[in-house]
Each structure stands twice: as C-alpha cells, then as structure tokens.
Amino acid sequence: MFHVLTPAYGRDYKSAKEVIADFDDGKDFVGDYSLQFQYVSKRDLAPGSSVQLRYNKLRNFAVTKV
C-alpha cells in the first residue's frame, strides 16, 4: 500500500531528512483519501507499506517505508 502524508498541526520541514526523522519518531501526519484524511503516525500504518511525505510547503516529497 502507498500513502501520501502531510505534516499535521501546521508543521513544515526544509529537508527530506527532517520530515523522515519526525515520521520515524512517531509524529502525527494527515493521511490521504485512502486513510480518510485522519491523523496517523508510523505506528498506525501496516509494516512494509510505502509513504510519500510532503514537505517544503508541500512542494517536495520524500519516500520511505514503514
């Protein structure tokens, strides 16, 4: 499964390294339509699934696995 996640609570990041670090730390992100736009974190997603993390005012993205 592949999900697109955006930072929750108005957070934004300048680099892929920062957004991936917060995702790995369990911070909340807003899920895409397949997650019904709910707040999710790494622990809420299926192991082995891929995620696209948006950052830099949603202009860039980083891809990582859960």
C-alpha atoms as a PDB file:
ATOM      1  CA  MET A   1       0.000   0.000   0.000  1.00  0.00           C
ATOM      2  CA  PHE A   2       1.197   3.520  -0.799  1.00  0.00           C
ATOM      3  CA  HIS A   3       0.032   6.602   1.163  1.00  0.00           C
ATOM      4  CA  VAL A   4       0.644  10.329   0.795  1.00  0.00           C
ATOM      5  CA  LEU A   5       1.047  12.056   4.168  1.00  0.00           C
ATOM      6  CA  THR A   6       1.273  15.751   5.025  1.00  0.00           C
ATOM      7  CA  PRO A   7       2.579  17.149   8.319  1.00  0.00           C
ATOM      8  CA  ALA A   8      -0.139  17.793  10.910  1.00  0.00           C
ATOM      9  CA  TYR A   9      -0.719  20.848  13.113  1.00  0.00           C
ATOM     10  CA  GLY A  10       0.882  23.325  10.699  1.00  0.00           C
ATOM     11  CA  ARG A  11       4.350  21.786  10.820  1.00  0.00           C
ATOM     12  CA  ASP A  12       6.623  22.161   7.805  1.00  0.00           C
ATOM     13  CA  TYR A  13      10.122  20.938   7.038  1.00  0.00           C
ATOM     14  CA  LYS A  14      13.019  22.261   4.976  1.00  0.00           C
ATOM     15  CA  SER A  15      14.604  18.889   4.138  1.00  0.00           C
ATOM     16  CA  ALA A  16      13.736  15.270   3.496  1.00  0.00           C
ATOM     17  CA  LYS A  17      15.978  14.243   6.392  1.00  0.00           C
ATOM     18  CA  GLU A  18      13.885  16.312   8.854  1.00  0.00           C
ATOM     19  CA  VAL A  19      10.498  15.009   7.705  1.00  0.00           C
ATOM     20  CA  ILE A  20      11.656  11.375   7.712  1.00  0.00           C
ATOM     21  CA  ALA A  21      13.156  11.802  11.211  1.00  0.00           C
ATOM     22  CA  ASP A  22       9.836  13.096  12.603  1.00  0.00           C
ATOM     23  CA  PHE A  23       7.892  10.332  10.838  1.00  0.00           C
ATOM     24  CA  ASP A  24      10.221   7.728  12.380  1.00  0.00           C
ATOM     25  CA  ASP A  25       9.784   9.409  15.799  1.00  0.00           C
ATOM     26  CA  GLY A  26       6.016   8.851  15.600  1.00  0.00           C
ATOM     27  CA  LYS A  27       4.802  12.420  14.982  1.00  0.00           C
ATOM     28  CA  ASP A  28       1.309  12.866  13.530  1.00  0.00           C
ATOM     29  CA  PHE A  29       0.652  13.365   9.831  1.00  0.00           C
ATOM     30  CA  VAL A  30      -2.596  13.805   7.907  1.00  0.00           C
ATOM     31  CA  GLY A  31      -3.394  10.823   5.706  1.00  0.00           C
ATOM     32  CA  ASP A  32      -4.622  10.845   2.139  1.00  0.00           C
ATOM     33  CA  TYR A  33      -8.085   9.850   0.871  1.00  0.00           C
ATOM     34  CA  SER A  34      -7.374   6.136   1.439  1.00  0.00           C
ATOM     35  CA  LEU A  35      -6.844   6.961   5.135  1.00  0.00           C
ATOM     36  CA  GLN A  36      -9.930   9.209   5.163  1.00  0.00           C
ATOM     37  CA  PHE A  37      -7.801  12.314   5.890  1.00  0.00           C
ATOM     38  CA  GLN A  38      -7.357  11.246   9.523  1.00  0.00           C
ATOM     39  CA  TYR A  39      -4.337  11.919  11.719  1.00  0.00           C
ATOM     40  CA  VAL A  40      -1.944   8.975  11.544  1.00  0.00           C
ATOM     41  CA  SER A  41       1.567   8.146  12.653  1.00  0.00           C
ATOM     42  CA  LYS A  42       4.037   5.425  11.748  1.00  0.00           C
ATOM     43  CA  ARG A  43       2.539   3.025  14.282  1.00  0.00           C
ATOM     44  CA  ASP A  44      -0.899   3.273  12.596  1.00  0.00           C
ATOM     45  CA  LEU A  45       0.330   2.043   9.202  1.00  0.00           C
ATOM     46  CA  ALA A  46       0.961  -1.506   8.015  1.00  0.00           C
ATOM     47  CA  PRO A  47       4.597  -2.609   8.198  1.00  0.00           C
ATOM     48  CA  GLY A  48       6.208  -2.753   4.771  1.00  0.00           C
ATOM     49  CA  SER A  49       3.964  -0.109   3.231  1.00  0.00           C
ATOM     50  CA  SER A  50       5.469   2.895   1.464  1.00  0.00           C
ATOM     51  CA  VAL A  51       4.681   6.505   2.283  1.00  0.00           C
ATOM     52  CA  GLN A  52       5.254   9.756   0.467  1.00  0.00           C
ATOM     53  CA  LEU A  53       5.915  12.541   2.973  1.00  0.00           C
ATOM     54  CA  ARG A  54       5.218  16.068   1.736  1.00  0.00           C
ATOM     55  CA  TYR A  55       7.405  18.967   2.941  1.00  0.00           C
ATOM     56  CA  ASN A  56       8.692  22.436   1.980  1.00  0.00           C
ATOM     57  CA  LYS A  57       5.204  23.963   1.700  1.00  0.00           C
ATOM     58  CA  LEU A  58       4.021  20.733   0.005  1.00  0.00           C
ATOM     59  CA  ARG A  59       6.315  21.343  -2.974  1.00  0.00           C
ATOM     60  CA  ASN A  60       8.671  18.416  -2.316  1.00  0.00           C
ATOM     61  CA  PHE A  61       8.280  14.866  -1.105  1.00  0.00           C
ATOM     62  CA  ALA A  62      10.357  12.101   0.428  1.00  0.00           C
ATOM     63  CA  VAL A  63       9.554   8.412   0.057  1.00  0.00           C
ATOM     64  CA  THR A  64      10.202   5.929   2.849  1.00  0.00           C
ATOM     65  CA  LYS A  65       8.922   2.597   4.126  1.00  0.00           C
ATOM     66  CA  VAL A  66       7.129   1.909   7.383  1.00  0.00           C
END
